[in-house]
Amino acid sequence: MKRILLILLLILNLLYLAVVLTGYPMRFSFAWNVGLAFGWIGCLLLSGIFFIRSGKKSGYSPYLSLAVFSLSLACFGWHAFINYLSLIMG
């Protein structure tokens, strides 16, 4: 179950980054922006918990958790920069 959830989160993060990097104009309402931010924070927490627990289990590879964590951090940083900092900077 954990592996399927992590793969799903990995695909969602990759799709978001692919859409953003291709230059597709994405403008969401305030509610969507807050929802996406909380979603990536949730992804960070879940992948962090799975990564910490992977050290206690034998035979489990932590690379999937680490990939989801790094991509969620990248998505959250990109989202914060585009939607909040760029608005402040003008």
Protein backbone atom coordinates (compact mmCIF):
# COMPACT_ATOMS: atom_id res chain seq x y z
CA MET A 1 0.00 0.00 0.00
CA LYS A 2 2.83 2.37 0.84
CA ARG A 3 4.58 1.67 -2.42
CA ILE A 4 1.44 2.34 -4.48
CA LEU A 5 0.82 5.59 -2.60
CA LEU A 6 4.40 6.72 -3.12
CA ILE A 7 4.28 5.88 -6.84
CA LEU A 8 1.04 7.83 -7.20
CA LEU A 9 2.54 10.84 -5.41
CA LEU A 10 5.64 10.60 -7.57
CA ILE A 11 3.55 10.64 -10.76
CA LEU A 12 1.52 13.63 -9.55
CA ASN A 13 4.66 15.58 -8.70
CA LEU A 14 6.25 14.73 -12.05
CA LEU A 15 3.11 15.80 -13.92
CA TYR A 16 3.00 19.13 -12.09
CA LEU A 17 6.66 19.83 -12.82
CA ALA A 18 6.26 18.82 -16.47
CA VAL A 19 3.28 21.14 -16.90
CA VAL A 20 5.05 24.03 -15.20
CA LEU A 21 8.32 23.60 -17.08
CA THR A 22 6.60 23.42 -20.47
CA GLY A 23 5.26 26.92 -19.91
CA TYR A 24 1.58 26.13 -19.63
CA PRO A 25 -0.08 29.15 -17.97
CA MET A 26 -1.55 27.89 -14.73
CA ARG A 27 -3.51 30.34 -12.64
CA PHE A 28 -5.52 28.96 -9.76
CA SER A 29 -7.81 30.59 -7.26
CA PHE A 30 -6.65 31.20 -3.71
CA ALA A 31 -8.37 28.04 -2.46
CA TRP A 32 -6.59 25.88 -5.07
CA ASN A 33 -3.23 27.47 -4.24
CA VAL A 34 -3.66 26.78 -0.54
CA GLY A 35 -4.86 23.25 -1.29
CA LEU A 36 -1.84 22.53 -3.47
CA ALA A 37 0.51 23.90 -0.83
CA PHE A 38 -1.04 21.70 1.87
CA GLY A 39 -0.92 18.77 -0.54
CA TRP A 40 2.81 19.13 -1.02
CA ILE A 41 3.36 19.55 2.70
CA GLY A 42 1.42 16.31 3.14
CA CYS A 43 3.59 14.63 0.50
CA LEU A 44 6.70 15.81 2.31
CA LEU A 45 5.45 14.48 5.63
CA LEU A 46 4.36 11.10 4.24
CA SER A 47 7.54 10.50 2.32
CA GLY A 48 9.60 11.60 5.32
CA ILE A 49 7.76 9.18 7.59
CA PHE A 50 8.14 6.34 5.08
CA PHE A 51 11.84 7.18 4.68
CA ILE A 52 12.47 7.11 8.42
CA ARG A 53 10.57 3.83 8.80
CA SER A 54 12.49 2.28 5.91
CA GLY A 55 15.63 2.12 8.02
CA LYS A 56 13.91 -0.21 10.46
CA LYS A 57 12.66 -2.66 7.81
CA SER A 58 14.98 -4.99 6.01
CA GLY A 59 14.63 -5.39 2.28
CA TYR A 60 12.91 -2.03 1.72
CA SER A 61 14.56 0.44 -0.62
CA PRO A 62 14.33 4.06 0.55
CA TYR A 63 14.93 5.48 -2.94
CA LEU A 64 11.24 5.86 -3.79
CA SER A 65 10.58 7.79 -0.57
CA LEU A 66 13.60 9.96 -1.23
CA ALA A 67 12.48 10.67 -4.80
CA VAL A 68 8.99 11.68 -3.67
CA PHE A 69 10.46 13.86 -0.93
CA SER A 70 12.80 15.69 -3.28
CA LEU A 71 10.16 16.19 -5.98
CA SER A 72 7.60 17.39 -3.43
CA LEU A 73 10.14 19.84 -2.08
CA ALA A 74 10.84 21.06 -5.62
CA CYS A 75 7.11 21.43 -6.39
CA PHE A 76 6.46 23.25 -3.15
CA GLY A 77 9.39 25.60 -3.73
CA TRP A 78 8.36 26.31 -7.31
CA HIS A 79 4.75 26.86 -6.27
CA ALA A 80 5.77 29.21 -3.46
CA PHE A 81 8.06 31.20 -5.74
CA ILE A 82 5.59 31.58 -8.59
CA ASN A 83 2.47 32.24 -6.59
CA TYR A 84 3.73 34.21 -3.64
CA LEU A 85 7.18 35.69 -4.13
CA SER A 86 6.61 36.77 -7.72
CA LEU A 87 3.46 38.59 -6.65
CA ILE A 88 5.36 40.42 -3.94
CA MET A 89 8.25 41.31 -6.26
CA GLY A 90 5.90 42.58 -8.94
